[in-house]
Protein backbone atom coordinates (compact mmCIF):
# COMPACT_ATOMS: atom_id res chain seq x y z
CA MET A 1 13.11 3.98 36.43
CA VAL A 2 12.50 6.57 34.50
CA ILE A 3 15.55 5.95 33.06
CA SER A 4 15.41 2.41 31.66
CA TYR A 5 12.19 3.34 29.79
CA PHE A 6 13.81 6.19 27.76
CA ASP A 7 15.77 4.01 25.25
CA PRO A 8 12.53 1.75 24.25
CA GLY A 9 10.80 4.73 24.14
CA THR A 10 13.12 6.77 21.38
CA LYS A 11 13.45 4.58 19.88
CA LEU A 12 9.36 3.79 19.31
CA ILE A 13 8.56 7.75 18.10
CA TYR A 14 11.63 7.02 15.40
CA ALA A 15 9.76 3.90 14.43
CA VAL A 16 6.30 5.67 14.92
CA GLY A 17 7.70 8.77 12.73
CA ALA A 18 9.44 6.42 10.19
CA VAL A 19 5.93 5.58 9.40
CA VAL A 20 4.36 8.87 9.28
CA GLY A 21 6.71 10.39 7.52
CA LEU A 22 6.60 7.02 5.03
CA ILE A 23 2.69 6.91 4.66
CA GLY A 24 3.36 10.53 3.92
CA GLY A 25 5.58 10.59 1.07
CA VAL A 26 3.39 7.60 -0.75
CA LYS A 27 0.23 10.17 0.32
CA VAL A 28 2.32 13.06 -2.14
CA TYR A 29 4.13 11.25 -4.60
CA SER A 30 0.91 9.48 -5.78
CA LYS A 31 -0.96 12.93 -5.74
CA PHE A 32 1.77 13.97 -7.98
CA SER A 33 2.05 11.47 -10.13
CA SER A 34 -1.66 11.25 -10.88
CA GLY A 35 -0.34 14.30 -12.54
CA ASP A 36 -2.10 17.40 -9.63
CA PRO A 37 1.11 19.70 -9.66
CA ASP A 38 -0.52 21.11 -5.74
CA THR A 39 0.42 18.83 -3.64
CA SER A 40 0.79 21.57 -0.62
CA LYS A 41 -2.28 20.54 0.27
CA THR A 42 -1.38 17.21 0.68
CA ALA A 43 1.89 17.65 2.41
CA ALA A 44 1.28 19.88 5.22
CA TYR A 45 -1.78 18.15 7.10
CA PRO A 46 -5.20 18.00 5.13
CA HIS A 47 -7.28 17.83 8.03
CA ALA A 48 -6.06 20.77 9.19
CA LEU A 49 -6.64 23.15 6.39
CA GLU A 50 -10.65 20.96 6.62
CA LYS A 51 -11.14 22.24 10.14
CA GLY A 52 -10.27 26.13 9.03
CA ARG A 53 -13.67 25.98 6.61
C-alpha cells in the first residue's frame, strides 16, 4: 500500500523543490541585478533571519 505512493510522492517532492529553487534563484538574480551585492540575506531563509531580530 505505502509502496504504491512512494514513486509519485518522490516526484511530487522533487517538483516542489524545483519550484522553490527557481523562485529563490529569481529572487537572488533580481536583487543582484538591481545593484545590491549582499544577496546572502535573500538566499538564506529571509524569514528565519527576521524572527531572530
